[in-house]
Amino acid sequence: MAFCFRRAQRILKTDEFSSVFRLRRVRSNAWFQVYVAPNQLGHARLGLVVSKKTAKRANRRNYMKRVIRDTFRQHPDRAAGVDFVVRVRAPFDRAGRPEAVEALRALFARLSSCRVSSSR
């Protein structure tokens, strides 16, 4: 298992985020909303949205992003050719991390099991 999260595995540009949001395939729970869209690449990509409304302090937002990236990287059966955008709905800290990670893994598992098609 690779321990790095390469630039090619990230969604960075606004139009890439917009294309995922536009498709409106979303699953959510109390912690996260995960949007999914197919891509033409041979690998999965991840985009993160953690607003100031969710956590005022930058160090808390960065911690949440770090945990989400690590969970995505360790998720063994993520679908190839799919873009995931994770939006944090509720803040979590070190104490709430195990529960949040488990909720995110459940969402990734649910989304990996359903087929994402390019048609509406």
PDB file of N, CA and C in Angstrom:
ATOM      1  N   MET A   1       0.846  -1.171   0.000  1.00  0.00           N
ATOM      2  CA  MET A   1       0.000   0.000   0.000  1.00  0.00           C
ATOM      3  C   MET A   1       0.893   1.236   0.000  1.00  0.00           C
ATOM      4  N   ALA A   2       0.601   2.152  -0.892  1.00  0.00           N
ATOM      5  CA  ALA A   2       1.373   3.389  -0.970  1.00  0.00           C
ATOM      6  C   ALA A   2       0.941   4.337   0.143  1.00  0.00           C
ATOM      7  N   PHE A   3       1.910   5.005   0.743  1.00  0.00           N
ATOM      8  CA  PHE A   3       1.615   5.902   1.850  1.00  0.00           C
ATOM      9  C   PHE A   3       1.571   7.358   1.426  1.00  0.00           C
ATOM     10  N   CYS A   4       1.465   7.603   0.137  1.00  0.00           N
ATOM     11  CA  CYS A   4       1.397   8.982  -0.319  1.00  0.00           C
ATOM     12  C   CYS A   4       0.048   9.237  -0.989  1.00  0.00           C
ATOM     13  N   PHE A   5      -0.287  10.487  -1.071  1.00  0.00           N
ATOM     14  CA  PHE A   5      -1.537  10.904  -1.700  1.00  0.00           C
ATOM     15  C   PHE A   5      -1.147  11.865  -2.810  1.00  0.00           C
ATOM     16  N   ARG A   6      -0.987  11.337  -4.000  1.00  0.00           N
ATOM     17  CA  ARG A   6      -0.442  12.100  -5.120  1.00  0.00           C
ATOM     18  C   ARG A   6      -1.400  13.179  -5.617  1.00  0.00           C
ATOM     19  N   ARG A   7      -0.831  14.154  -6.286  1.00  0.00           N
ATOM     20  CA  ARG A   7      -1.609  15.260  -6.843  1.00  0.00           C
ATOM     21  C   ARG A   7      -2.642  14.759  -7.850  1.00  0.00           C
ATOM     22  N   ALA A   8      -2.310  13.708  -8.586  1.00  0.00           N
ATOM     23  CA  ALA A   8      -3.237  13.153  -9.575  1.00  0.00           C
ATOM     24  C   ALA A   8      -4.463  12.524  -8.919  1.00  0.00           C
ATOM     25  N   GLN A   9      -4.393  12.231  -7.634  1.00  0.00           N
ATOM     26  CA  GLN A   9      -5.515  11.628  -6.913  1.00  0.00           C
ATOM     27  C   GLN A   9      -6.406  12.680  -6.255  1.00  0.00           C
ATOM     28  N   ARG A  10      -6.140  13.947  -6.508  1.00  0.00           N
ATOM     29  CA  ARG A  10      -6.899  15.024  -5.880  1.00  0.00           C
ATOM     30  C   ARG A  10      -7.732  15.771  -6.910  1.00  0.00           C
ATOM     31  N   ILE A  11      -8.853  16.285  -6.463  1.00  0.00           N
ATOM     32  CA  ILE A  11      -9.644  17.212  -7.264  1.00  0.00           C
ATOM     33  C   ILE A  11      -9.286  18.594  -6.743  1.00  0.00           C
ATOM     34  N   LEU A  12      -8.733  19.431  -7.611  1.00  0.00           N
ATOM     35  CA  LEU A  12      -8.214  20.719  -7.168  1.00  0.00           C
ATOM     36  C   LEU A  12      -8.910  21.918  -7.810  1.00  0.00           C
ATOM     37  N   LYS A  13      -9.398  21.761  -9.022  1.00  0.00           N
ATOM     38  CA  LYS A  13      -9.929  22.908  -9.762  1.00  0.00           C
ATOM     39  C   LYS A  13     -11.429  23.071  -9.547  1.00  0.00           C
ATOM     40  N   THR A  14     -11.869  24.312  -9.609  1.00  0.00           N
ATOM     41  CA  THR A  14     -13.274  24.643  -9.376  1.00  0.00           C
ATOM     42  C   THR A  14     -14.194  23.943 -10.364  1.00  0.00           C
ATOM     43  N   ASP A  15     -13.815  23.887 -11.636  1.00  0.00           N
ATOM     44  CA  ASP A  15     -14.682  23.243 -12.622  1.00  0.00           C
ATOM     45  C   ASP A  15     -14.793  21.738 -12.394  1.00  0.00           C
ATOM     46  N   GLU A  16     -13.746  21.120 -11.841  1.00  0.00           N
ATOM     47  CA  GLU A  16     -13.815  19.696 -11.513  1.00  0.00           C
ATOM     48  C   GLU A  16     -14.784  19.461 -10.355  1.00  0.00           C
ATOM     49  N   PHE A  17     -14.727  20.332  -9.340  1.00  0.00           N
ATOM     50  CA  PHE A  17     -15.686  20.248  -8.239  1.00  0.00           C
ATOM     51  C   PHE A  17     -17.103  20.458  -8.768  1.00  0.00           C
ATOM     52  N   SER A  18     -17.274  21.454  -9.627  1.00  0.00           N
ATOM     53  CA  SER A  18     -18.601  21.770 -10.161  1.00  0.00           C
ATOM     54  C   SER A  18     -19.191  20.608 -10.942  1.00  0.00           C
ATOM     55  N   SER A  19     -18.361  19.911 -11.704  1.00  0.00           N
ATOM     56  CA  SER A  19     -18.877  18.785 -12.483  1.00  0.00           C
ATOM     57  C   SER A  19     -19.356  17.657 -11.578  1.00  0.00           C
ATOM     58  N   VAL A  20     -18.698  17.453 -10.449  1.00  0.00           N
ATOM     59  CA  VAL A  20     -19.139  16.422  -9.502  1.00  0.00           C
ATOM     60  C   VAL A  20     -20.431  16.860  -8.819  1.00  0.00           C
ATOM     61  N   PHE A  21     -20.503  18.119  -8.396  1.00  0.00           N
ATOM     62  CA  PHE A  21     -21.713  18.619  -7.743  1.00  0.00           C
ATOM     63  C   PHE A  21     -22.909  18.625  -8.699  1.00  0.00           C
ATOM     64  N   ARG A  22     -22.654  18.917  -9.971  1.00  0.00           N
ATOM     65  CA  ARG A  22     -23.723  19.012 -10.960  1.00  0.00           C
ATOM     66  C   ARG A  22     -24.426  17.672 -11.173  1.00  0.00           C
ATOM     67  N   LEU A  23     -23.692  16.580 -11.093  1.00  0.00           N
ATOM     68  CA  LEU A  23     -24.281  15.262 -11.315  1.00  0.00           C
ATOM     69  C   LEU A  23     -25.259  14.884 -10.198  1.00  0.00           C
ATOM     70  N   ARG A  24     -25.060  15.417  -9.002  1.00  0.00           N
ATOM     71  CA  ARG A  24     -25.969  15.257  -7.858  1.00  0.00           C
ATOM     72  C   ARG A  24     -26.177  13.815  -7.416  1.00  0.00           C
ATOM     73  N   ARG A  25     -25.174  12.995  -7.529  1.00  0.00           N
ATOM     74  CA  ARG A  25     -25.225  11.665  -6.930  1.00  0.00           C
ATOM     75  C   ARG A  25     -24.564  11.796  -5.571  1.00  0.00           C
ATOM     76  N   VAL A  26     -25.364  11.716  -4.525  1.00  0.00           N
ATOM     77  CA  VAL A  26     -24.850  12.014  -3.191  1.00  0.00           C
ATOM     78  C   VAL A  26     -25.400  11.014  -2.184  1.00  0.00           C
ATOM     79  N   ARG A  27     -24.566  10.656  -1.232  1.00  0.00           N
ATOM     80  CA  ARG A  27     -24.954   9.862  -0.068  1.00  0.00           C
ATOM     81  C   ARG A  27     -24.472  10.635   1.147  1.00  0.00           C
ATOM     82  N   SER A  28     -25.221  10.556   2.220  1.00  0.00           N
ATOM     83  CA  SER A  28     -24.823  11.333   3.394  1.00  0.00           C
ATOM     84  C   SER A  28     -25.202  10.618   4.676  1.00  0.00           C
ATOM     85  N   ASN A  29     -24.572  11.072   5.746  1.00  0.00           N
ATOM     86  CA  ASN A  29     -24.913  10.655   7.102  1.00  0.00           C
ATOM     87  C   ASN A  29     -24.741  11.875   7.996  1.00  0.00           C
ATOM     88  N   ALA A  30     -24.722  11.680   9.285  1.00  0.00           N
ATOM     89  CA  ALA A  30     -24.635  12.817  10.208  1.00  0.00           C
ATOM     90  C   ALA A  30     -23.316  13.569  10.080  1.00  0.00           C
ATOM     91  N   TRP A  31     -22.250  12.901   9.661  1.00  0.00           N
ATOM     92  CA  TRP A  31     -20.920  13.508   9.614  1.00  0.00           C
ATOM     93  C   TRP A  31     -20.566  14.100   8.256  1.00  0.00           C
ATOM     94  N   PHE A  32     -20.919  13.395   7.170  1.00  0.00           N
ATOM     95  CA  PHE A  32     -20.407  13.737   5.846  1.00  0.00           C
ATOM     96  C   PHE A  32     -21.493  13.680   4.778  1.00  0.00           C
ATOM     97  N   GLN A  33     -21.241  14.405   3.682  1.00  0.00           N
ATOM     98  CA  GLN A  33     -21.948  14.247   2.416  1.00  0.00           C
ATOM     99  C   GLN A  33     -20.882  13.863   1.406  1.00  0.00           C
ATOM    100  N   VAL A  34     -21.107  12.793   0.662  1.00  0.00           N
ATOM    101  CA  VAL A  34     -20.142  12.361  -0.345  1.00  0.00           C
ATOM    102  C   VAL A  34     -20.820  12.391  -1.709  1.00  0.00           C
ATOM    103  N   TYR A  35     -20.287  13.218  -2.596  1.00  0.00           N
ATOM    104  CA  TYR A  35     -20.768  13.331  -3.971  1.00  0.00           C
ATOM    105  C   TYR A  35     -19.897  12.444  -4.853  1.00  0.00           C
ATOM    106  N   VAL A  36     -20.501  11.836  -5.868  1.00  0.00           N
ATOM    107  CA  VAL A  36     -19.779  10.908  -6.730  1.00  0.00           C
ATOM    108  C   VAL A  36     -20.080  11.226  -8.190  1.00  0.00           C
ATOM    109  N   ALA A  37     -19.054  11.118  -9.024  1.00  0.00           N
ATOM    110  CA  ALA A  37     -19.217  11.274 -10.468  1.00  0.00           C
ATOM    111  C   ALA A  37     -18.151  10.439 -11.169  1.00  0.00           C
ATOM    112  N   PRO A  38     -18.479   9.874 -12.322  1.00  0.00           N
ATOM    113  CA  PRO A  38     -17.470   9.121 -13.068  1.00  0.00           C
ATOM    114  C   PRO A  38     -16.445  10.063 -13.685  1.00  0.00           C
ATOM    115  N   ASN A  39     -15.224   9.569 -13.847  1.00  0.00           N
ATOM    116  CA  ASN A  39     -14.208  10.332 -14.571  1.00  0.00           C
ATOM    117  C   ASN A  39     -13.608   9.440 -15.651  1.00  0.00           C
ATOM    118  N   GLN A  40     -12.843  10.022 -16.529  1.00  0.00           N
ATOM    119  CA  GLN A  40     -12.262   9.273 -17.639  1.00  0.00           C
ATOM    120  C   GLN A  40     -10.871   8.747 -17.312  1.00  0.00           C
ATOM    121  N   LEU A  41     -10.449   8.908 -16.071  1.00  0.00           N
ATOM    122  CA  LEU A  41      -9.131   8.460 -15.648  1.00  0.00           C
ATOM    123  C   LEU A  41      -9.216   7.020 -15.151  1.00  0.00           C
ATOM    124  N   GLY A  42      -8.105   6.397 -14.978  1.00  0.00           N
ATOM    125  CA  GLY A  42      -8.095   5.016 -14.499  1.00  0.00           C
ATOM    126  C   GLY A  42      -8.008   4.889 -12.993  1.00  0.00           C
ATOM    127  N   HIS A  43      -8.171   5.981 -12.274  1.00  0.00           N
ATOM    128  CA  HIS A  43      -8.049   5.936 -10.815  1.00  0.00           C
ATOM    129  C   HIS A  43      -9.081   6.856 -10.171  1.00  0.00           C
ATOM    130  N   ALA A  44      -9.298   6.634  -8.902  1.00  0.00           N
ATOM    131  CA  ALA A  44     -10.240   7.462  -8.145  1.00  0.00           C
ATOM    132  C   ALA A  44      -9.555   8.753  -7.710  1.00  0.00           C
ATOM    133  N   ARG A  45     -10.354   9.821  -7.580  1.00  0.00           N
ATOM    134  CA  ARG A  45      -9.831  11.099  -7.093  1.00  0.00           C
ATOM    135  C   ARG A  45     -10.706  11.588  -5.950  1.00  0.00           C
ATOM    136  N   LEU A  46     -10.120  12.428  -5.107  1.00  0.00           N
ATOM    137  CA  LEU A  46     -10.816  12.930  -3.928  1.00  0.00           C
ATOM    138  C   LEU A  46     -10.753  14.444  -3.874  1.00  0.00           C
ATOM    139  N   GLY A  47     -11.887  15.056  -3.582  1.00  0.00           N
ATOM    140  CA  GLY A  47     -11.966  16.487  -3.323  1.00  0.00           C
ATOM    141  C   GLY A  47     -12.544  16.690  -1.937  1.00  0.00           C
ATOM    142  N   LEU A  48     -12.100  17.726  -1.240  1.00  0.00           N
ATOM    143  CA  LEU A  48     -12.528  17.970   0.138  1.00  0.00           C
ATOM    144  C   LEU A  48     -13.141  19.350   0.281  1.00  0.00           C
ATOM    145  N   VAL A  49     -14.231  19.424   1.046  1.00  0.00           N
ATOM    146  CA  VAL A  49     -14.874  20.691   1.360  1.00  0.00           C
ATOM    147  C   VAL A  49     -15.095  20.725   2.866  1.00  0.00           C
ATOM    148  N   VAL A  50     -14.340  21.596   3.527  1.00  0.00           N
ATOM    149  CA  VAL A  50     -14.510  21.803   4.970  1.00  0.00           C
ATOM    150  C   VAL A  50     -14.641  23.307   5.165  1.00  0.00           C
ATOM    151  N   SER A  51     -15.838  23.762   5.439  1.00  0.00           N
ATOM    152  CA  SER A  51     -16.095  25.198   5.494  1.00  0.00           C
ATOM    153  C   SER A  51     -15.726  25.803   6.841  1.00  0.00           C
ATOM    154  N   LYS A  52     -15.581  27.118   6.843  1.00  0.00           N
ATOM    155  CA  LYS A  52     -15.335  27.833   8.094  1.00  0.00           C
ATOM    156  C   LYS A  52     -16.543  27.754   9.010  1.00  0.00           C
ATOM    157  N   LYS A  53     -17.701  27.552   8.428  1.00  0.00           N
ATOM    158  CA  LYS A  53     -18.909  27.388   9.236  1.00  0.00           C
ATOM    159  C   LYS A  53     -18.836  26.091  10.057  1.00  0.00           C
ATOM    160  N   THR A  54     -18.199  25.076   9.493  1.00  0.00           N
ATOM    161  CA  THR A  54     -18.040  23.802  10.191  1.00  0.00           C
ATOM    162  C   THR A  54     -17.030  23.919  11.318  1.00  0.00           C
ATOM    163  N   ALA A  55     -15.888  24.534  11.035  1.00  0.00           N
ATOM    164  CA  ALA A  55     -14.838  24.697  12.046  1.00  0.00           C
ATOM    165  C   ALA A  55     -14.152  26.039  11.807  1.00  0.00           C
ATOM    166  N   LYS A  56     -14.183  26.893  12.789  1.00  0.00           N
ATOM    167  CA  LYS A  56     -13.621  28.244  12.649  1.00  0.00           C
ATOM    168  C   LYS A  56     -12.100  28.238  12.518  1.00  0.00           C
ATOM    169  N   ARG A  57     -11.449  27.371  13.271  1.00  0.00           N
ATOM    170  CA  ARG A  57      -9.984  27.372  13.303  1.00  0.00           C
ATOM    171  C   ARG A  57      -9.406  26.538  12.163  1.00  0.00           C
ATOM    172  N   ALA A  58      -8.397  27.080  11.500  1.00  0.00           N
ATOM    173  CA  ALA A  58      -7.783  26.397  10.361  1.00  0.00           C
ATOM    174  C   ALA A  58      -7.150  25.074  10.770  1.00  0.00           C
ATOM    175  N   ASN A  59      -6.577  25.013  11.969  1.00  0.00           N
ATOM    176  CA  ASN A  59      -5.934  23.767  12.375  1.00  0.00           C
ATOM    177  C   ASN A  59      -6.962  22.636  12.532  1.00  0.00           C
ATOM    178  N   ARG A  60      -8.180  22.948  12.948  1.00  0.00           N
ATOM    179  CA  ARG A  60      -9.235  21.927  13.050  1.00  0.00           C
ATOM    180  C   ARG A  60      -9.686  21.485  11.658  1.00  0.00           C
ATOM    181  N   ARG A  61      -9.826  22.440  10.732  1.00  0.00           N
ATOM    182  CA  ARG A  61     -10.210  22.081   9.360  1.00  0.00           C
ATOM    183  C   ARG A  61      -9.129  21.219   8.715  1.00  0.00           C
ATOM    184  N   ASN A  62      -7.872  21.583   8.914  1.00  0.00           N
ATOM    185  CA  ASN A  62      -6.769  20.804   8.353  1.00  0.00           C
ATOM    186  C   ASN A  62      -6.714  19.401   8.944  1.00  0.00           C
ATOM    187  N   TYR A  63      -6.994  19.271  10.240  1.00  0.00           N
ATOM    188  CA  TYR A  63      -7.017  17.954  10.879  1.00  0.00           C
ATOM    189  C   TYR A  63      -8.103  17.079  10.245  1.00  0.00           C
ATOM    190  N   MET A  64      -9.289  17.650  10.051  1.00  0.00           N
ATOM    191  CA  MET A  64     -10.383  16.881   9.445  1.00  0.00           C
ATOM    192  C   MET A  64     -10.023  16.451   8.025  1.00  0.00           C
ATOM    193  N   LYS A  65      -9.404  17.347   7.253  1.00  0.00           N
ATOM    194  CA  LYS A  65      -8.990  16.997   5.893  1.00  0.00           C
ATOM    195  C   LYS A  65      -7.940  15.889   5.905  1.00  0.00           C
ATOM    196  N   ARG A  66      -7.014  15.961   6.835  1.00  0.00           N
ATOM    197  CA  ARG A  66      -5.974  14.940   6.946  1.00  0.00           C
ATOM    198  C   ARG A  66      -6.583  13.568   7.252  1.00  0.00           C
ATOM    199  N   VAL A  67      -7.549  13.531   8.149  1.00  0.00           N
ATOM    200  CA  VAL A  67      -8.211  12.271   8.504  1.00  0.00           C
ATOM    201  C   VAL A  67      -8.979  11.712   7.306  1.00  0.00           C
ATOM    202  N   ILE A  68      -9.672  12.566   6.574  1.00  0.00           N
ATOM    203  CA  ILE A  68     -10.446  12.114   5.411  1.00  0.00           C
ATOM    204  C   ILE A  68      -9.517  11.581   4.326  1.00  0.00           C
ATOM    205  N   ARG A  69      -8.431  12.300   4.040  1.00  0.00           N
ATOM    206  CA  ARG A  69      -7.466  11.823   3.036  1.00  0.00           C
ATOM    207  C   ARG A  69      -6.895  10.469   3.425  1.00  0.00           C
ATOM    208  N   ASP A  70      -6.554  10.308   4.693  1.00  0.00           N
ATOM    209  CA  ASP A  70      -5.981   9.052   5.165  1.00  0.00           C
ATOM    210  C   ASP A  70      -6.996   7.915   5.047  1.00  0.00           C
ATOM    211  N   THR A  71      -8.237   8.181   5.374  1.00  0.00           N
ATOM    212  CA  THR A  71      -9.287   7.164   5.257  1.00  0.00           C
ATOM    213  C   THR A  71      -9.492   6.774   3.797  1.00  0.00           C
ATOM    214  N   PHE A  72      -9.500   7.751   2.903  1.00  0.00           N
ATOM    215  CA  PHE A  72      -9.651   7.485   1.470  1.00  0.00           C
ATOM    216  C   PHE A  72      -8.476   6.662   0.949  1.00  0.00           C
ATOM    217  N   ARG A  73      -7.282   7.022   1.358  1.00  0.00           N
ATOM    218  CA  ARG A  73      -6.084   6.321   0.903  1.00  0.00           C
ATOM    219  C   ARG A  73      -6.089   4.868   1.364  1.00  0.00           C
ATOM    220  N   GLN A  74      -6.587   4.619   2.563  1.00  0.00           N
ATOM    221  CA  GLN A  74      -6.588   3.267   3.118  1.00  0.00           C
ATOM    222  C   GLN A  74      -7.793   2.441   2.683  1.00  0.00           C
ATOM    223  N   HIS A  75      -8.766   3.062   2.023  1.00  0.00           N
ATOM    224  CA  HIS A  75      -9.969   2.333   1.605  1.00  0.00           C
ATOM    225  C   HIS A  75      -9.596   1.407   0.452  1.00  0.00           C
ATOM    226  N   PRO A  76      -9.589   0.090   0.670  1.00  0.00           N
ATOM    227  CA  PRO A  76      -9.037  -0.833  -0.322  1.00  0.00           C
ATOM    228  C   PRO A  76      -9.877  -1.010  -1.581  1.00  0.00           C
ATOM    229  N   ASP A  77     -11.191  -0.919  -1.482  1.00  0.00           N
ATOM    230  CA  ASP A  77     -12.017  -1.228  -2.641  1.00  0.00           C
ATOM    231  C   ASP A  77     -12.673   0.003  -3.249  1.00  0.00           C
ATOM    232  N   ARG A  78     -11.946   1.116  -3.267  1.00  0.00           N
ATOM    233  CA  ARG A  78     -12.528   2.302  -3.901  1.00  0.00           C
ATOM    234  C   ARG A  78     -12.586   2.080  -5.413  1.00  0.00           C
ATOM    235  N   ALA A  79     -13.624   2.575  -6.000  1.00  0.00           N
ATOM    236  CA  ALA A  79     -13.875   2.342  -7.418  1.00  0.00           C
ATOM    237  C   ALA A  79     -12.896   3.144  -8.273  1.00  0.00           C
ATOM    238  N   ALA A  80     -12.341   2.494  -9.288  1.00  0.00           N
ATOM    239  CA  ALA A  80     -11.452   3.189 -10.213  1.00  0.00           C
ATOM    240  C   ALA A  80     -12.295   4.002 -11.186  1.00  0.00           C
ATOM    241  N   GLY A  81     -11.785   5.148 -11.582  1.00  0.00           N
ATOM    242  CA  GLY A  81     -12.497   5.985 -12.536  1.00  0.00           C
ATOM    243  C   GLY A  81     -13.668   6.740 -11.939  1.00  0.00           C
ATOM    244  N   VAL A  82     -13.579   7.063 -10.648  1.00  0.00           N
ATOM    245  CA  VAL A  82     -14.660   7.764  -9.961  1.00  0.00           C
ATOM    246  C   VAL A  82     -14.084   8.936  -9.180  1.00  0.00           C
ATOM    247  N   ASP A  83     -14.777  10.067  -9.232  1.00  0.00           N
ATOM    248  CA  ASP A  83     -14.421  11.228  -8.418  1.00  0.00           C
ATOM    249  C   ASP A  83     -15.315  11.264  -7.186  1.00  0.00           C
ATOM    250  N   PHE A  84     -14.699  11.439  -6.018  1.00  0.00           N
ATOM    251  CA  PHE A  84     -15.428  11.589  -4.761  1.00  0.00           C
ATOM    252  C   PHE A  84     -15.176  12.995  -4.236  1.00  0.00           C
ATOM    253  N   VAL A  85     -16.227  13.694  -3.839  1.00  0.00           N
ATOM    254  CA  VAL A  85     -16.079  14.965  -3.134  1.00  0.00           C
ATOM    255  C   VAL A  85     -16.738  14.782  -1.773  1.00  0.00           C
ATOM    256  N   VAL A  86     -15.947  14.965  -0.719  1.00  0.00           N
ATOM    257  CA  VAL A  86     -16.440  14.797   0.646  1.00  0.00           C
ATOM    258  C   VAL A  86     -16.646  16.171   1.256  1.00  0.00           C
ATOM    259  N   ARG A  87     -17.866  16.427   1.703  1.00  0.00           N
ATOM    260  CA  ARG A  87     -18.202  17.670   2.400  1.00  0.00           C
ATOM    261  C   ARG A  87     -18.459  17.317   3.862  1.00  0.00           C
ATOM    262  N   VAL A  88     -17.755  17.984   4.756  1.00  0.00           N
ATOM    263  CA  VAL A  88     -17.928  17.729   6.192  1.00  0.00           C
ATOM    264  C   VAL A  88     -19.173  18.464   6.670  1.00  0.00           C
ATOM    265  N   ARG A  89     -20.083  17.730   7.305  1.00  0.00           N
ATOM    266  CA  ARG A  89     -21.322  18.317   7.818  1.00  0.00           C
ATOM    267  C   ARG A  89     -21.212  18.657   9.300  1.00  0.00           C
ATOM    268  N   ALA A  90     -20.492  17.834  10.054  1.00  0.00           N
ATOM    269  CA  ALA A  90     -20.352  18.058  11.496  1.00  0.00           C
ATOM    270  C   ALA A  90     -18.873  17.968  11.857  1.00  0.00           C
ATOM    271  N   PRO A  91     -18.380  18.883  12.672  1.00  0.00           N
ATOM    272  CA  PRO A  91     -16.961  18.848  13.037  1.00  0.00           C
ATOM    273  C   PRO A  91     -16.651  17.666  13.951  1.00  0.00           C
ATOM    274  N   PHE A  92     -15.405  17.215  13.882  1.00  0.00           N
ATOM    275  CA  PHE A  92     -14.942  16.174  14.796  1.00  0.00           C
ATOM    276  C   PHE A  92     -13.513  16.488  15.196  1.00  0.00           C
ATOM    277  N   ASP A  93     -13.114  15.983  16.348  1.00  0.00           N
ATOM    278  CA  ASP A  93     -11.750  16.166  16.835  1.00  0.00           C
ATOM    279  C   ASP A  93     -11.170  14.787  17.130  1.00  0.00           C
ATOM    280  N   ARG A  94     -10.082  14.749  17.861  1.00  0.00           N
ATOM    281  CA  ARG A  94      -9.434  13.467  18.145  1.00  0.00           C
ATOM    282  C   ARG A  94     -10.359  12.502  18.886  1.00  0.00           C
ATOM    283  N   ALA A  95     -11.187  13.017  19.758  1.00  0.00           N
ATOM    284  CA  ALA A  95     -12.093  12.156  20.521  1.00  0.00           C
ATOM    285  C   ALA A  95     -13.175  11.546  19.626  1.00  0.00           C
ATOM    286  N   GLY A  96     -13.648  12.299  18.648  1.00  0.00           N
ATOM    287  CA  GLY A  96     -14.701  11.815  17.758  1.00  0.00           C
ATOM    288  C   GLY A  96     -14.194  11.173  16.486  1.00  0.00           C
ATOM    289  N   ARG A  97     -12.875  11.088  16.336  1.00  0.00           N
ATOM    290  CA  ARG A  97     -12.279  10.566  15.110  1.00  0.00           C
ATOM    291  C   ARG A  97     -12.712   9.138  14.777  1.00  0.00           C
ATOM    292  N   PRO A  98     -12.663   8.184  15.720  1.00  0.00           N
ATOM    293  CA  PRO A  98     -13.035   6.806  15.343  1.00  0.00           C
ATOM    294  C   PRO A  98     -14.460   6.692  14.802  1.00  0.00           C
ATOM    295  N   GLU A  99     -15.380   7.402  15.410  1.00  0.00           N
ATOM    296  CA  GLU A  99     -16.768   7.364  14.956  1.00  0.00           C
ATOM    297  C   GLU A  99     -16.905   8.001  13.570  1.00  0.00           C
ATOM    298  N   ALA A 100     -16.223   9.113  13.347  1.00  0.00           N
ATOM    299  CA  ALA A 100     -16.283   9.789  12.050  1.00  0.00           C
ATOM    300  C   ALA A 100     -15.642   8.937  10.956  1.00  0.00           C
ATOM    301  N   VAL A 101     -14.519   8.304  11.251  1.00  0.00           N
ATOM    302  CA  VAL A 101     -13.841   7.454  10.268  1.00  0.00           C
ATOM    303  C   VAL A 101     -14.728   6.269   9.902  1.00  0.00           C
ATOM    304  N   GLU A 102     -15.369   5.678  10.888  1.00  0.00           N
ATOM    305  CA  GLU A 102     -16.260   4.548  10.618  1.00  0.00           C
ATOM    306  C   GLU A 102     -17.441   4.977   9.743  1.00  0.00           C
ATOM    307  N   ALA A 103     -17.982   6.158  10.005  1.00  0.00           N
ATOM    308  CA  ALA A 103     -19.085   6.675   9.187  1.00  0.00           C
ATOM    309  C   ALA A 103     -18.628   6.924   7.749  1.00  0.00           C
ATOM    310  N   LEU A 104     -17.420   7.460   7.583  1.00  0.00           N
ATOM    311  CA  LEU A 104     -16.899   7.714   6.236  1.00  0.00           C
ATOM    312  C   LEU A 104     -16.619   6.409   5.500  1.00  0.00           C
ATOM    313  N   ARG A 105     -16.060   5.427   6.191  1.00  0.00           N
ATOM    314  CA  ARG A 105     -15.824   4.120   5.561  1.00  0.00           C
ATOM    315  C   ARG A 105     -17.130   3.486   5.101  1.00  0.00           C
ATOM    316  N   ALA A 106     -18.176   3.627   5.903  1.00  0.00           N
ATOM    317  CA  ALA A 106     -19.480   3.075   5.520  1.00  0.00           C
ATOM    318  C   ALA A 106     -20.003   3.757   4.252  1.00  0.00           C
ATOM    319  N   LEU A 107     -19.829   5.075   4.162  1.00  0.00           N
ATOM    320  CA  LEU A 107     -20.260   5.790   2.950  1.00  0.00           C
ATOM    321  C   LEU A 107     -19.451   5.358   1.735  1.00  0.00           C
ATOM    322  N   PHE A 108     -18.125   5.246   1.889  1.00  0.00           N
ATOM    323  CA  PHE A 108     -17.294   4.793   0.772  1.00  0.00           C
ATOM    324  C   PHE A 108     -17.697   3.389   0.336  1.00  0.00           C
ATOM    325  N   ALA A 109     -17.983   2.511   1.289  1.00  0.00           N
ATOM    326  CA  ALA A 109     -18.388   1.144   0.951  1.00  0.00           C
ATOM    327  C   ALA A 109     -19.719   1.147   0.200  1.00  0.00           C
ATOM    328  N   ARG A 110     -20.667   1.962   0.656  1.00  0.00           N
ATOM    329  CA  ARG A 110     -21.959   2.060  -0.023  1.00  0.00           C
ATOM    330  C   ARG A 110     -21.805   2.594  -1.438  1.00  0.00           C
ATOM    331  N   LEU A 111     -20.943   3.597  -1.599  1.00  0.00           N
ATOM    332  CA  LEU A 111     -20.766   4.209  -2.916  1.00  0.00           C
ATOM    333  C   LEU A 111     -19.944   3.329  -3.847  1.00  0.00           C
ATOM    334  N   SER A 112     -19.027   2.549  -3.306  1.00  0.00           N
ATOM    335  CA  SER A 112     -18.233   1.657  -4.142  1.00  0.00           C
ATOM    336  C   SER A 112     -19.072   0.495  -4.651  1.00  0.00           C
ATOM    337  N   SER A 113     -20.093   0.113  -3.879  1.00  0.00           N
ATOM    338  CA  SER A 113     -20.916  -1.025  -4.288  1.00  0.00           C
ATOM    339  C   SER A 113     -21.934  -0.648  -5.358  1.00  0.00           C
ATOM    340  N   CYS A 114     -22.366   0.613  -5.382  1.00  0.00           N
ATOM    341  CA  CYS A 114     -23.331   1.006  -6.414  1.00  0.00           C
ATOM    342  C   CYS A 114     -22.584   1.478  -7.655  1.00  0.00           C
ATOM    343  N   ARG A 115     -23.179   1.229  -8.803  1.00  0.00           N
ATOM    344  CA  ARG A 115     -22.542   1.615 -10.067  1.00  0.00           C
ATOM    345  C   ARG A 115     -22.783   3.078 -10.341  1.00  0.00           C
ATOM    346  N   VAL A 116     -21.748   3.747 -10.765  1.00  0.00           N
ATOM    347  CA  VAL A 116     -21.866   5.148 -11.152  1.00  0.00           C
ATOM    348  C   VAL A 116     -21.794   5.186 -12.662  1.00  0.00           C
ATOM    349  N   SER A 117     -22.865   5.636 -13.275  1.00  0.00           N
ATOM    350  CA  SER A 117     -22.883   5.720 -14.734  1.00  0.00           C
ATOM    351  C   SER A 117     -22.805   7.177 -15.150  1.00  0.00           C
ATOM    352  N   SER A 118     -22.397   7.399 -16.356  1.00  0.00           N
ATOM    353  CA  SER A 118     -22.268   8.769 -16.840  1.00  0.00           C
ATOM    354  C   SER A 118     -23.604   9.343 -17.289  1.00  0.00           C
ATOM    355  N   SER A 119     -24.627   8.503 -17.436  1.00  0.00           N
ATOM    356  CA  SER A 119     -25.944   9.013 -17.819  1.00  0.00           C
ATOM    357  C   SER A 119     -26.749   9.371 -16.583  1.00  0.00           C
ATOM    358  N   ARG A 120     -27.748  10.246 -16.754  1.00  0.00           N
ATOM    359  CA  ARG A 120     -28.577  10.661 -15.619  1.00  0.00           C
ATOM    360  C   ARG A 120     -29.673   9.700 -15.393  1.00  0.00           C
TER     361      ARG A 120
END
